[in-house]
Amino acid sequence: MQGPEDDARLAGKVALISGGGAVGGGIGNGRAAAILLARTGAKVLVADRDPKPAERESQEHERKH
């Protein structure tokens, strides 16, 4: 079974995720989408009405890559 990281169609594309910062211990749909798109090689911009969770998601991704 192939995972999202095996789909090269999104590599190098830009994705804007609205509501990408998860609050609390959960992952949230926006954060999940950001993670999956980043795994495909897309450049992901995470936006949220509360910038702290979005910044945290961005920093976490940068640490991993």
N, C-alpha and C. Protein backbone atom coordinates (compact mmCIF):
# COMPACT_ATOMS: atom_id res chain seq x y z
N MET A 1 0.84 -1.18 0.00
CA MET A 1 0.00 0.00 0.00
C MET A 1 0.88 1.24 0.00
N GLN A 2 0.55 2.18 -0.85
CA GLN A 2 1.33 3.41 -0.93
C GLN A 2 0.82 4.44 0.07
N GLY A 3 1.74 5.20 0.61
CA GLY A 3 1.39 6.30 1.50
C GLY A 3 1.44 7.60 0.74
N PRO A 4 1.04 8.70 1.37
CA PRO A 4 1.03 10.00 0.69
C PRO A 4 2.41 10.45 0.25
N GLU A 5 3.45 10.01 0.96
CA GLU A 5 4.80 10.42 0.58
C GLU A 5 5.25 9.77 -0.72
N ASP A 6 4.51 8.77 -1.19
CA ASP A 6 4.84 8.11 -2.46
C ASP A 6 4.21 8.81 -3.66
N ASP A 7 3.38 9.81 -3.43
CA ASP A 7 2.70 10.53 -4.50
C ASP A 7 3.50 11.77 -4.88
N ALA A 8 4.20 11.71 -6.01
CA ALA A 8 5.11 12.79 -6.41
C ALA A 8 4.38 13.95 -7.10
N ARG A 9 3.07 13.84 -7.32
CA ARG A 9 2.36 14.91 -8.03
C ARG A 9 2.36 16.23 -7.27
N LEU A 10 2.51 16.19 -5.98
CA LEU A 10 2.48 17.42 -5.18
C LEU A 10 3.87 17.94 -4.81
N ALA A 11 4.91 17.20 -5.15
CA ALA A 11 6.28 17.62 -4.85
C ALA A 11 6.57 18.96 -5.51
N GLY A 12 7.05 19.90 -4.73
CA GLY A 12 7.39 21.22 -5.25
C GLY A 12 6.22 22.17 -5.35
N LYS A 13 5.00 21.71 -5.13
CA LYS A 13 3.82 22.58 -5.16
C LYS A 13 3.72 23.32 -3.84
N VAL A 14 2.90 24.36 -3.80
CA VAL A 14 2.69 25.14 -2.59
C VAL A 14 1.28 24.89 -2.09
N ALA A 15 1.15 24.60 -0.80
CA ALA A 15 -0.15 24.36 -0.17
C ALA A 15 -0.35 25.35 0.96
N LEU A 16 -1.51 25.99 1.00
CA LEU A 16 -1.88 26.90 2.08
C LEU A 16 -2.92 26.18 2.93
N ILE A 17 -2.60 25.97 4.20
CA ILE A 17 -3.49 25.29 5.13
C ILE A 17 -4.07 26.32 6.07
N SER A 18 -5.39 26.47 6.01
CA SER A 18 -6.11 27.36 6.91
C SER A 18 -6.56 26.56 8.12
N GLY A 19 -6.29 27.05 9.31
CA GLY A 19 -6.65 26.31 10.52
C GLY A 19 -5.70 25.16 10.79
N GLY A 20 -4.43 25.39 10.50
CA GLY A 20 -3.45 24.32 10.61
C GLY A 20 -2.84 24.13 11.98
N GLY A 21 -3.14 24.99 12.91
CA GLY A 21 -2.58 24.84 14.25
C GLY A 21 -3.56 24.08 15.13
N ALA A 22 -3.12 23.01 15.74
CA ALA A 22 -3.99 22.22 16.62
C ALA A 22 -3.91 22.76 18.04
N VAL A 23 -5.05 22.82 18.70
CA VAL A 23 -5.11 23.29 20.08
C VAL A 23 -5.21 22.08 20.99
N GLY A 24 -4.48 22.10 22.08
CA GLY A 24 -4.53 20.99 23.01
C GLY A 24 -3.69 19.81 22.53
N GLY A 25 -4.03 18.64 22.99
CA GLY A 25 -3.26 17.45 22.67
C GLY A 25 -3.63 16.79 21.36
N GLY A 26 -4.75 17.19 20.76
CA GLY A 26 -5.19 16.57 19.52
C GLY A 26 -4.41 17.04 18.31
N ILE A 27 -4.60 16.34 17.19
CA ILE A 27 -3.86 16.70 15.99
C ILE A 27 -4.67 17.67 15.12
N GLY A 28 -5.96 17.51 15.00
CA GLY A 28 -6.79 18.40 14.21
C GLY A 28 -6.67 18.13 12.71
N ASN A 29 -7.73 18.43 11.97
CA ASN A 29 -7.75 18.17 10.53
C ASN A 29 -6.74 19.02 9.77
N GLY A 30 -6.63 20.29 10.12
CA GLY A 30 -5.69 21.16 9.42
C GLY A 30 -4.25 20.73 9.62
N ARG A 31 -3.91 20.39 10.83
CA ARG A 31 -2.55 19.94 11.13
C ARG A 31 -2.26 18.62 10.41
N ALA A 32 -3.24 17.70 10.41
CA ALA A 32 -3.07 16.42 9.72
C ALA A 32 -2.84 16.66 8.23
N ALA A 33 -3.60 17.56 7.63
CA ALA A 33 -3.43 17.87 6.21
C ALA A 33 -2.05 18.46 5.95
N ALA A 34 -1.60 19.35 6.82
CA ALA A 34 -0.27 19.95 6.65
C ALA A 34 0.83 18.90 6.70
N ILE A 35 0.71 17.96 7.63
CA ILE A 35 1.71 16.91 7.76
C ILE A 35 1.74 16.04 6.51
N LEU A 36 0.56 15.61 6.06
CA LEU A 36 0.50 14.75 4.87
C LEU A 36 1.03 15.45 3.63
N LEU A 37 0.66 16.71 3.44
CA LEU A 37 1.14 17.45 2.27
C LEU A 37 2.66 17.65 2.33
N ALA A 38 3.19 17.93 3.51
CA ALA A 38 4.64 18.09 3.65
C ALA A 38 5.36 16.79 3.32
N ARG A 39 4.77 15.67 3.69
CA ARG A 39 5.39 14.37 3.39
C ARG A 39 5.46 14.09 1.89
N THR A 40 4.56 14.70 1.12
CA THR A 40 4.58 14.50 -0.33
C THR A 40 5.64 15.36 -0.99
N GLY A 41 6.22 16.30 -0.23
CA GLY A 41 7.22 17.19 -0.80
C GLY A 41 6.68 18.57 -1.13
N ALA A 42 5.42 18.81 -0.78
CA ALA A 42 4.83 20.14 -1.02
C ALA A 42 5.42 21.13 -0.01
N LYS A 43 5.48 22.38 -0.42
CA LYS A 43 5.87 23.46 0.49
C LYS A 43 4.58 23.93 1.15
N VAL A 44 4.53 23.88 2.47
CA VAL A 44 3.29 24.11 3.20
C VAL A 44 3.36 25.41 4.00
N LEU A 45 2.35 26.24 3.82
CA LEU A 45 2.19 27.46 4.62
C LEU A 45 1.00 27.22 5.53
N VAL A 46 1.23 27.29 6.83
CA VAL A 46 0.19 27.03 7.83
C VAL A 46 -0.30 28.36 8.38
N ALA A 47 -1.63 28.56 8.33
CA ALA A 47 -2.24 29.78 8.87
C ALA A 47 -3.30 29.38 9.88
N ASP A 48 -3.49 30.23 10.88
CA ASP A 48 -4.50 29.97 11.89
C ASP A 48 -4.87 31.31 12.50
N ARG A 49 -6.09 31.43 13.00
CA ARG A 49 -6.48 32.70 13.62
C ARG A 49 -5.67 32.98 14.88
N ASP A 50 -5.21 31.91 15.53
CA ASP A 50 -4.30 32.03 16.67
C ASP A 50 -2.92 31.64 16.16
N PRO A 51 -2.00 32.58 16.01
CA PRO A 51 -0.71 32.28 15.39
C PRO A 51 0.18 31.32 16.19
N LYS A 52 -0.01 31.21 17.49
CA LYS A 52 0.88 30.35 18.29
C LYS A 52 0.83 28.89 17.88
N PRO A 53 -0.35 28.27 17.73
CA PRO A 53 -0.36 26.86 17.29
C PRO A 53 0.21 26.69 15.88
N ALA A 54 -0.05 27.64 15.00
CA ALA A 54 0.48 27.55 13.63
C ALA A 54 2.01 27.66 13.65
N GLU A 55 2.54 28.55 14.46
CA GLU A 55 3.99 28.69 14.57
C GLU A 55 4.61 27.42 15.16
N ARG A 56 3.94 26.84 16.14
CA ARG A 56 4.43 25.61 16.76
C ARG A 56 4.49 24.49 15.73
N GLU A 57 3.46 24.38 14.89
CA GLU A 57 3.44 23.35 13.85
C GLU A 57 4.58 23.57 12.86
N SER A 58 4.80 24.80 12.48
CA SER A 58 5.87 25.12 11.54
C SER A 58 7.23 24.78 12.13
N GLN A 59 7.46 25.13 13.38
CA GLN A 59 8.74 24.84 14.03
C GLN A 59 8.95 23.34 14.18
N GLU A 60 7.88 22.61 14.49
CA GLU A 60 7.99 21.16 14.63
C GLU A 60 8.38 20.53 13.29
N HIS A 61 7.79 21.00 12.22
CA HIS A 61 8.12 20.47 10.89
C HIS A 61 9.57 20.78 10.53
N GLU A 62 10.03 21.99 10.82
CA GLU A 62 11.42 22.37 10.50
C GLU A 62 12.42 21.52 11.27
N ARG A 63 12.10 21.16 12.51
CA ARG A 63 13.00 20.31 13.30
C ARG A 63 13.12 18.93 12.69
N LYS A 64 12.05 18.42 12.10
CA LYS A 64 12.06 17.09 11.54
C LYS A 64 12.74 17.03 10.17
N HIS A 65 12.81 18.16 9.47
CA HIS A 65 13.36 18.14 8.11
C HIS A 65 14.54 19.03 8.01
